[in-house]
Amino acid sequence: MEKQSPFTNFGQVGIIVKDIEKAKKNLEDIGIGPFGPLDAEPTVRWEAWGEPAEVKLKMSFAKIGPLEVELIEPISDCMQKEYLDNVGEGIQHYSFFVDSIDEVVEYMARKGYKVYLRRLRLLRYRRSLRLHAGDNPEINPP
């Protein structure tokens, strides 16, 4: 019998945007936010498609209750830019707090999914796992 879903502690929704300042203003105008500023365009290092990657992104975060909303404007060529170019603006990922990333990777592998991005970060002393929301067949099985 399959173990209960590990995705019970929803933490974040990541939204790809063309213009982060415009997106922040539009969301704050309807009462979502405020979005916190980042003083720099961070260079993020992770493993994408099994290879080391270094990308530049503009990012801004807001809280809605316990949920974090992340706005992402890709600056360099990266999977976020590819998503924006091919899909357009919108939800690109969901993030969940999980007890064991390794167990969740095994759970998803049994369902036919593959890891496409690996970056562990400690959030409130827990690990987070991001799931892609797109329909790319290399990410999501048919």
C-alpha atoms as a PDB file:
ATOM      1  CA  MET A   1       0.000   0.000   0.000  1.00  0.00           C
ATOM      2  CA  GLU A   2       1.347   3.446  -0.973  1.00  0.00           C
ATOM      3  CA  LYS A   3       2.337   5.714   1.889  1.00  0.00           C
ATOM      4  CA  GLN A   4       0.311   8.914   2.403  1.00  0.00           C
ATOM      5  CA  SER A   5       1.368  11.852   0.225  1.00  0.00           C
ATOM      6  CA  PRO A   6       4.356  13.770   1.589  1.00  0.00           C
ATOM      7  CA  PHE A   7       2.866  17.011   0.217  1.00  0.00           C
ATOM      8  CA  THR A   8       0.836  18.188   3.174  1.00  0.00           C
ATOM      9  CA  ASN A   9       2.813  21.267   4.245  1.00  0.00           C
ATOM     10  CA  PHE A  10       2.471  23.785   1.400  1.00  0.00           C
ATOM     11  CA  GLY A  11       5.065  26.556   1.654  1.00  0.00           C
ATOM     12  CA  GLN A  12       5.447  28.596  -1.519  1.00  0.00           C
ATOM     13  CA  VAL A  13       4.197  29.334  -4.996  1.00  0.00           C
ATOM     14  CA  GLY A  14       6.731  30.654  -7.525  1.00  0.00           C
ATOM     15  CA  ILE A  15       5.500  32.906 -10.330  1.00  0.00           C
ATOM     16  CA  ILE A  16       7.582  33.747 -13.398  1.00  0.00           C
ATOM     17  CA  VAL A  17       7.094  37.342 -14.591  1.00  0.00           C
ATOM     18  CA  LYS A  18       8.448  39.544 -17.389  1.00  0.00           C
ATOM     19  CA  ASP A  19       8.636  42.681 -15.235  1.00  0.00           C
ATOM     20  CA  ILE A  20       8.951  42.154 -11.488  1.00  0.00           C
ATOM     21  CA  GLU A  21       8.231  45.787 -10.586  1.00  0.00           C
ATOM     22  CA  LYS A  22       4.997  45.796 -12.605  1.00  0.00           C
ATOM     23  CA  ALA A  23       3.947  42.438 -11.106  1.00  0.00           C
ATOM     24  CA  LYS A  24       4.651  43.671  -7.550  1.00  0.00           C
ATOM     25  CA  LYS A  25       2.611  46.836  -8.153  1.00  0.00           C
ATOM     26  CA  ASN A  26      -0.321  44.916  -9.658  1.00  0.00           C
ATOM     27  CA  LEU A  27      -0.432  42.438  -6.765  1.00  0.00           C
ATOM     28  CA  GLU A  28       0.048  45.086  -4.073  1.00  0.00           C
ATOM     29  CA  ASP A  29      -2.763  47.157  -5.668  1.00  0.00           C
ATOM     30  CA  ILE A  30      -5.191  44.292  -4.952  1.00  0.00           C
ATOM     31  CA  GLY A  31      -3.875  43.701  -1.429  1.00  0.00           C
ATOM     32  CA  ILE A  32      -1.289  40.943  -1.929  1.00  0.00           C
ATOM     33  CA  GLY A  33       1.986  41.954  -0.314  1.00  0.00           C
ATOM     34  CA  PRO A  34       3.907  43.983   0.507  1.00  0.00           C
ATOM     35  CA  PHE A  35       6.747  42.376  -1.412  1.00  0.00           C
ATOM     36  CA  GLY A  36      10.152  42.627   0.196  1.00  0.00           C
ATOM     37  CA  PRO A  37      12.945  44.123  -1.846  1.00  0.00           C
ATOM     38  CA  LEU A  38      16.173  42.339  -2.679  1.00  0.00           C
ATOM     39  CA  ASP A  39      19.125  44.710  -2.942  1.00  0.00           C
ATOM     40  CA  ALA A  40      20.825  42.718  -5.699  1.00  0.00           C
ATOM     41  CA  GLU A  41      20.097  40.392  -8.560  1.00  0.00           C
ATOM     42  CA  PRO A  42      21.345  37.229  -6.910  1.00  0.00           C
ATOM     43  CA  THR A  43      23.388  34.643  -8.692  1.00  0.00           C
ATOM     44  CA  VAL A  44      21.862  31.297  -7.798  1.00  0.00           C
ATOM     45  CA  ARG A  45      23.860  28.079  -8.015  1.00  0.00           C
ATOM     46  CA  TRP A  46      22.152  24.721  -8.297  1.00  0.00           C
ATOM     47  CA  GLU A  47      22.034  21.526 -10.286  1.00  0.00           C
ATOM     48  CA  ALA A  48      19.702  21.691 -13.309  1.00  0.00           C
ATOM     49  CA  TRP A  49      19.114  18.706 -15.569  1.00  0.00           C
ATOM     50  CA  GLY A  50      21.979  16.961 -13.770  1.00  0.00           C
ATOM     51  CA  GLU A  51      24.542  19.717 -14.504  1.00  0.00           C
ATOM     52  CA  PRO A  52      25.846  22.574 -12.329  1.00  0.00           C
ATOM     53  CA  ALA A  53      24.119  25.845 -13.238  1.00  0.00           C
ATOM     54  CA  GLU A  54      24.581  29.467 -12.270  1.00  0.00           C
ATOM     55  CA  VAL A  55      21.761  31.888 -13.074  1.00  0.00           C
ATOM     56  CA  LYS A  56      20.792  35.493 -12.399  1.00  0.00           C
ATOM     57  CA  LEU A  57      17.256  36.221 -11.269  1.00  0.00           C
ATOM     58  CA  LYS A  58      15.340  39.159  -9.838  1.00  0.00           C
ATOM     59  CA  MET A  59      13.240  37.831  -6.967  1.00  0.00           C
ATOM     60  CA  SER A  60      10.791  39.314  -4.496  1.00  0.00           C
ATOM     61  CA  PHE A  61       8.777  37.641  -1.734  1.00  0.00           C
ATOM     62  CA  ALA A  62       5.518  38.281   0.128  1.00  0.00           C
ATOM     63  CA  LYS A  63       3.590  36.307   2.732  1.00  0.00           C
ATOM     64  CA  ILE A  64      -0.107  35.472   2.623  1.00  0.00           C
ATOM     65  CA  GLY A  65      -0.664  33.825   5.967  1.00  0.00           C
ATOM     66  CA  PRO A  66       1.797  30.904   6.085  1.00  0.00           C
ATOM     67  CA  LEU A  67       2.159  30.839   2.273  1.00  0.00           C
ATOM     68  CA  GLU A  68       5.082  32.588   0.585  1.00  0.00           C
ATOM     69  CA  VAL A  69       4.595  34.086  -2.885  1.00  0.00           C
ATOM     70  CA  GLU A  70       7.813  34.355  -4.895  1.00  0.00           C
ATOM     71  CA  LEU A  71       8.012  36.551  -7.997  1.00  0.00           C
ATOM     72  CA  ILE A  72      10.851  35.641 -10.356  1.00  0.00           C
ATOM     73  CA  GLU A  73      12.124  37.659 -13.310  1.00  0.00           C
ATOM     74  CA  PRO A  74      14.836  35.741 -15.160  1.00  0.00           C
ATOM     75  CA  ILE A  75      17.874  37.840 -16.138  1.00  0.00           C
ATOM     76  CA  SER A  76      20.208  35.217 -17.615  1.00  0.00           C
ATOM     77  CA  ASP A  77      19.568  32.189 -19.799  1.00  0.00           C
ATOM     78  CA  CYS A  78      18.160  29.521 -17.499  1.00  0.00           C
ATOM     79  CA  MET A  79      15.193  27.199 -17.100  1.00  0.00           C
ATOM     80  CA  GLN A  80      13.111  30.111 -15.744  1.00  0.00           C
ATOM     81  CA  LYS A  81      13.836  32.130 -18.904  1.00  0.00           C
ATOM     82  CA  GLU A  82      13.010  29.075 -21.015  1.00  0.00           C
ATOM     83  CA  TYR A  83       9.717  28.762 -19.107  1.00  0.00           C
ATOM     84  CA  LEU A  84       8.901  32.446 -19.688  1.00  0.00           C
ATOM     85  CA  ASP A  85       9.748  32.193 -23.401  1.00  0.00           C
ATOM     86  CA  ASN A  86       7.801  28.958 -23.985  1.00  0.00           C
ATOM     87  CA  VAL A  87       4.901  29.159 -21.529  1.00  0.00           C
ATOM     88  CA  GLY A  88       4.667  32.823 -20.581  1.00  0.00           C
ATOM     89  CA  GLU A  89       4.067  34.422 -17.227  1.00  0.00           C
ATOM     90  CA  GLY A  90       2.511  32.303 -14.506  1.00  0.00           C
ATOM     91  CA  ILE A  91       3.010  29.735 -11.784  1.00  0.00           C
ATOM     92  CA  GLN A  92       6.249  27.852 -12.398  1.00  0.00           C
ATOM     93  CA  HIS A  93       6.660  25.905  -9.164  1.00  0.00           C
ATOM     94  CA  TYR A  94       5.180  24.936  -5.824  1.00  0.00           C
ATOM     95  CA  SER A  95       7.276  24.391  -2.730  1.00  0.00           C
ATOM     96  CA  PHE A  96       6.487  22.089   0.167  1.00  0.00           C
ATOM     97  CA  PHE A  97       8.165  21.589   3.523  1.00  0.00           C
ATOM     98  CA  VAL A  98       9.064  17.925   3.848  1.00  0.00           C
ATOM     99  CA  ASP A  99      10.773  15.800   6.469  1.00  0.00           C
ATOM    100  CA  SER A 100      13.095  14.018   4.024  1.00  0.00           C
ATOM    101  CA  ILE A 101      13.874  15.192   0.503  1.00  0.00           C
ATOM    102  CA  ASP A 102      15.461  11.817  -0.288  1.00  0.00           C
ATOM    103  CA  GLU A 103      12.238   9.990   0.637  1.00  0.00           C
ATOM    104  CA  VAL A 104      10.190  12.369  -1.530  1.00  0.00           C
ATOM    105  CA  VAL A 105      12.563  11.917  -4.488  1.00  0.00           C
ATOM    106  CA  GLU A 106      12.104   8.141  -4.151  1.00  0.00           C
ATOM    107  CA  TYR A 107       8.303   8.582  -3.851  1.00  0.00           C
ATOM    108  CA  MET A 108       8.216  10.701  -7.032  1.00  0.00           C
ATOM    109  CA  ALA A 109      10.510   8.269  -8.887  1.00  0.00           C
ATOM    110  CA  ARG A 110       8.000   5.480  -8.175  1.00  0.00           C
ATOM    111  CA  LYS A 111       5.396   7.733  -9.847  1.00  0.00           C
ATOM    112  CA  GLY A 112       7.618   8.162 -12.920  1.00  0.00           C
ATOM    113  CA  TYR A 113       9.015  11.640 -12.221  1.00  0.00           C
ATOM    114  CA  LYS A 114      12.660  12.709 -12.444  1.00  0.00           C
ATOM    115  CA  VAL A 115      14.631  15.339 -10.549  1.00  0.00           C
ATOM    116  CA  TYR A 116      15.268  18.333 -12.789  1.00  0.00           C
ATOM    117  CA  LEU A 117      16.479  20.868 -10.224  1.00  0.00           C
ATOM    118  CA  ARG A 118      18.292  20.237  -6.981  1.00  0.00           C
ATOM    119  CA  ARG A 119      18.952  22.958  -4.470  1.00  0.00           C
ATOM    120  CA  LEU A 120      18.563  22.255  -0.795  1.00  0.00           C
ATOM    121  CA  ARG A 121      17.970  25.183   1.456  1.00  0.00           C
ATOM    122  CA  LEU A 122      17.090  25.259   5.084  1.00  0.00           C
ATOM    123  CA  LEU A 123      13.864  27.132   5.767  1.00  0.00           C
ATOM    124  CA  ARG A 124      12.763  27.446   9.342  1.00  0.00           C
ATOM    125  CA  TYR A 125      14.913  24.421  10.135  1.00  0.00           C
ATOM    126  CA  ARG A 126      13.085  22.301   7.553  1.00  0.00           C
ATOM    127  CA  ARG A 127      13.896  21.297   4.024  1.00  0.00           C
ATOM    128  CA  SER A 128      11.810  22.440   1.089  1.00  0.00           C
ATOM    129  CA  LEU A 129      11.052  20.662  -2.153  1.00  0.00           C
ATOM    130  CA  ARG A 130       9.898  22.389  -5.332  1.00  0.00           C
ATOM    131  CA  LEU A 131       7.609  20.805  -7.868  1.00  0.00           C
ATOM    132  CA  HIS A 132       7.361  22.169 -11.390  1.00  0.00           C
ATOM    133  CA  ALA A 133       3.853  23.151 -12.466  1.00  0.00           C
ATOM    134  CA  GLY A 134       4.382  22.999 -16.238  1.00  0.00           C
ATOM    135  CA  ASP A 135       3.594  20.335 -18.758  1.00  0.00           C
ATOM    136  CA  ASN A 136       7.084  19.780 -20.174  1.00  0.00           C
ATOM    137  CA  PRO A 137       7.246  16.033 -20.953  1.00  0.00           C
ATOM    138  CA  GLU A 138      10.873  15.937 -19.837  1.00  0.00           C
ATOM    139  CA  ILE A 139       9.707  17.075 -16.396  1.00  0.00           C
ATOM    140  CA  ASN A 140       6.303  15.455 -16.091  1.00  0.00           C
ATOM    141  CA  PRO A 141       5.606  11.964 -17.414  1.00  0.00           C
ATOM    142  CA  PRO A 142       2.966  11.671 -20.172  1.00  0.00           C
END
